[in-house]
């Protein structure tokens, strides 16, 4: 009976030791997973900041494009006006030379 009890104690002790080792491994895995999740969260935050910067840049490019388009229209009107004035000047010159 004492031998059975002694063997039961040894088995329980062995089981407890094995359980402790398994729990230690689980804790390591949880710590590792926590670190990975933290890294993913950091990367997601950085990606979000980068996306916001890209959106601001696109908006600025759009604004510059609109301004440039307006300037091109103004230049076109000015060129057309100079062309008209040149034509008018040519007609006046032709009239004076006659």
C-alpha atoms as a PDB file:
ATOM      1  CA  UNK A   1       0.000   0.000   0.000  1.00  0.00           C
ATOM      2  CA  UNK A   2       2.856   2.349   0.856  1.00  0.00           C
ATOM      3  CA  UNK A   3       4.513   1.443  -2.430  1.00  0.00           C
ATOM      4  CA  UNK A   4       1.304   2.325  -4.296  1.00  0.00           C
ATOM      5  CA  UNK A   5       1.082   5.628  -2.496  1.00  0.00           C
ATOM      6  CA  UNK A   6       4.741   6.332  -3.171  1.00  0.00           C
ATOM      7  CA  UNK A   7       4.252   5.512  -6.840  1.00  0.00           C
ATOM      8  CA  UNK A   8       1.118   7.706  -6.953  1.00  0.00           C
ATOM      9  CA  UNK A   9       3.072  10.585  -5.427  1.00  0.00           C
ATOM     10  CA  UNK A  10       5.858  10.126  -7.966  1.00  0.00           C
ATOM     11  CA  UNK A  11       3.340  10.008 -10.813  1.00  0.00           C
ATOM     12  CA  UNK A  12       1.565  13.113  -9.505  1.00  0.00           C
ATOM     13  CA  UNK A  13       4.887  14.905  -9.090  1.00  0.00           C
ATOM     14  CA  UNK A  14       5.946  13.938 -12.604  1.00  0.00           C
ATOM     15  CA  UNK A  15       2.585  15.056 -13.980  1.00  0.00           C
ATOM     16  CA  UNK A  16       2.857  18.349 -12.091  1.00  0.00           C
ATOM     17  CA  UNK A  17       6.361  18.933 -13.456  1.00  0.00           C
ATOM     18  CA  UNK A  18       5.228  18.157 -17.004  1.00  0.00           C
ATOM     19  CA  UNK A  19       2.242  20.458 -16.580  1.00  0.00           C
ATOM     20  CA  UNK A  20       4.531  23.230 -15.336  1.00  0.00           C
ATOM     21  CA  UNK A  21       6.774  22.815 -18.390  1.00  0.00           C
ATOM     22  CA  UNK A  22       3.769  22.877 -20.723  1.00  0.00           C
ATOM     23  CA  UNK A  23       2.420  26.019 -19.024  1.00  0.00           C
ATOM     24  CA  UNK A  24       5.850  27.662 -19.379  1.00  0.00           C
ATOM     25  CA  UNK A  25       5.789  26.874 -23.110  1.00  0.00           C
ATOM     26  CA  UNK A  26       2.255  28.255 -23.372  1.00  0.00           C
ATOM     27  CA  UNK A  27       3.345  31.472 -21.637  1.00  0.00           C
ATOM     28  CA  UNK A  28       6.248  31.805 -24.105  1.00  0.00           C
ATOM     29  CA  UNK A  29       3.863  31.293 -27.022  1.00  0.00           C
ATOM     30  CA  UNK A  30       1.432  33.874 -25.629  1.00  0.00           C
ATOM     31  CA  UNK A  31       4.281  36.368 -25.165  1.00  0.00           C
ATOM     32  CA  UNK A  32       5.476  35.734 -28.715  1.00  0.00           C
ATOM     33  CA  UNK A  33       1.949  36.105 -30.094  1.00  0.00           C
ATOM     34  CA  UNK A  34       1.482  39.319 -28.126  1.00  0.00           C
ATOM     35  CA  UNK A  35       4.681  40.709 -29.636  1.00  0.00           C
ATOM     36  CA  UNK A  36       3.531  39.751 -33.127  1.00  0.00           C
ATOM     37  CA  UNK A  37       0.114  41.348 -32.600  1.00  0.00           C
ATOM     38  CA  UNK A  38       1.827  44.487 -31.292  1.00  0.00           C
ATOM     39  CA  UNK A  39       4.041  44.562 -34.413  1.00  0.00           C
ATOM     40  CA  UNK A  40       1.018  44.142 -36.669  1.00  0.00           C
ATOM     41  CA  UNK A  41      -0.805  46.950 -34.858  1.00  0.00           C
ATOM     42  CA  UNK A  42       2.226  49.229 -35.230  1.00  0.00           C
ATOM     43  CA  UNK A  43       2.513  48.419 -38.929  1.00  0.00           C
ATOM     44  CA  UNK A  44      -1.216  49.053 -39.428  1.00  0.00           C
ATOM     45  CA  UNK A  45      -0.911  52.424 -37.707  1.00  0.00           C
ATOM     46  CA  UNK A  46       2.095  53.348 -39.857  1.00  0.00           C
ATOM     47  CA  UNK A  47       0.181  52.282 -42.961  1.00  0.00           C
ATOM     48  CA  UNK A  48      -2.758  54.438 -41.919  1.00  0.00           C
ATOM     49  CA  UNK A  49      -0.491  57.466 -41.436  1.00  0.00           C
ATOM     50  CA  UNK A  50       1.113  56.815 -44.830  1.00  0.00           C
ATOM     51  CA  UNK A  51      -2.308  56.523 -46.474  1.00  0.00           C
ATOM     52  CA  UNK A  52      -3.328  59.866 -44.975  1.00  0.00           C
ATOM     53  CA  UNK A  53      -0.130  61.460 -46.300  1.00  0.00           C
ATOM     54  CA  UNK A  54      -0.794  59.995 -49.753  1.00  0.00           C
ATOM     55  CA  UNK A  55      -4.362  61.339 -49.687  1.00  0.00           C
ATOM     56  CA  UNK A  56      -3.103  64.814 -48.730  1.00  0.00           C
ATOM     57  CA  UNK A  57      -0.551  64.671 -51.540  1.00  0.00           C
ATOM     58  CA  UNK A  58      -3.198  63.625 -54.050  1.00  0.00           C
ATOM     59  CA  UNK A  59      -5.424  66.499 -52.923  1.00  0.00           C
ATOM     60  CA  UNK A  60      -2.491  68.920 -53.322  1.00  0.00           C
ATOM     61  CA  UNK A  61      -1.729  67.548 -56.798  1.00  0.00           C
ATOM     62  CA  UNK A  62      -5.402  67.977 -57.712  1.00  0.00           C
ATOM     63  CA  UNK A  63      -5.347  71.589 -56.482  1.00  0.00           C
ATOM     64  CA  UNK A  64      -2.163  72.312 -58.450  1.00  0.00           C
ATOM     65  CA  UNK A  65      -3.648  70.674 -61.546  1.00  0.00           C
ATOM     66  CA  UNK A  66      -6.769  72.822 -61.269  1.00  0.00           C
ATOM     67  CA  UNK A  67      -4.661  75.962 -60.833  1.00  0.00           C
ATOM     68  CA  UNK A  68      -2.456  75.006 -63.781  1.00  0.00           C
ATOM     69  CA  UNK A  69      -5.507  74.307 -65.920  1.00  0.00           C
ATOM     70  CA  UNK A  70      -6.900  77.744 -65.034  1.00  0.00           C
ATOM     71  CA  UNK A  71      -3.558  79.343 -65.895  1.00  0.00           C
ATOM     72  CA  UNK A  72      -3.426  77.514 -69.225  1.00  0.00           C
ATOM     73  CA  UNK A  73      -6.906  78.814 -70.037  1.00  0.00           C
ATOM     74  CA  UNK A  74      -5.802  82.365 -69.197  1.00  0.00           C
ATOM     75  CA  UNK A  75      -2.684  82.001 -71.356  1.00  0.00           C
ATOM     76  CA  UNK A  76      -4.788  80.659 -74.217  1.00  0.00           C
ATOM     77  CA  UNK A  77      -7.126  83.655 -73.984  1.00  0.00           C
ATOM     78  CA  UNK A  78      -4.141  86.015 -73.859  1.00  0.00           C
ATOM     79  CA  UNK A  79      -2.553  84.348 -76.903  1.00  0.00           C
ATOM     80  CA  UNK A  80      -5.846  84.602 -78.777  1.00  0.00           C
ATOM     81  CA  UNK A  81      -6.059  88.309 -77.861  1.00  0.00           C
ATOM     82  CA  UNK A  82      -2.455  88.926 -79.009  1.00  0.00           C
ATOM     83  CA  UNK A  83      -3.273  87.081 -82.226  1.00  0.00           C
ATOM     84  CA  UNK A  84      -6.315  89.312 -82.768  1.00  0.00           C
ATOM     85  CA  UNK A  85      -4.288  92.443 -82.020  1.00  0.00           C
ATOM     86  CA  UNK A  86      -1.538  91.298 -84.415  1.00  0.00           C
ATOM     87  CA  UNK A  87      -4.125  90.723 -87.139  1.00  0.00           C
ATOM     88  CA  UNK A  88      -5.652  94.120 -86.475  1.00  0.00           C
ATOM     89  CA  UNK A  89      -2.196  95.743 -86.546  1.00  0.00           C
ATOM     90  CA  UNK A  90      -1.449  93.980 -89.848  1.00  0.00           C
ATOM     91  CA  UNK A  91      -4.686  95.355 -91.331  1.00  0.00           C
ATOM     92  CA  UNK A  92      -3.928  98.869 -90.091  1.00  0.00           C
ATOM     93  CA  UNK A  93      -0.409  98.650 -91.509  1.00  0.00           C
ATOM     94  CA  UNK A  94      -1.769  97.426 -94.824  1.00  0.00           C
ATOM     95  CA  UNK A  95      -4.215 100.362 -94.864  1.00  0.00           C
ATOM     96  CA  UNK A  96      -1.430 102.844 -94.172  1.00  0.00           C
ATOM     97  CA  UNK A  97       0.756 101.447 -96.899  1.00  0.00           C
ATOM     98  CA  UNK A  98      -1.910 101.829 -99.556  1.00  0.00           C
END
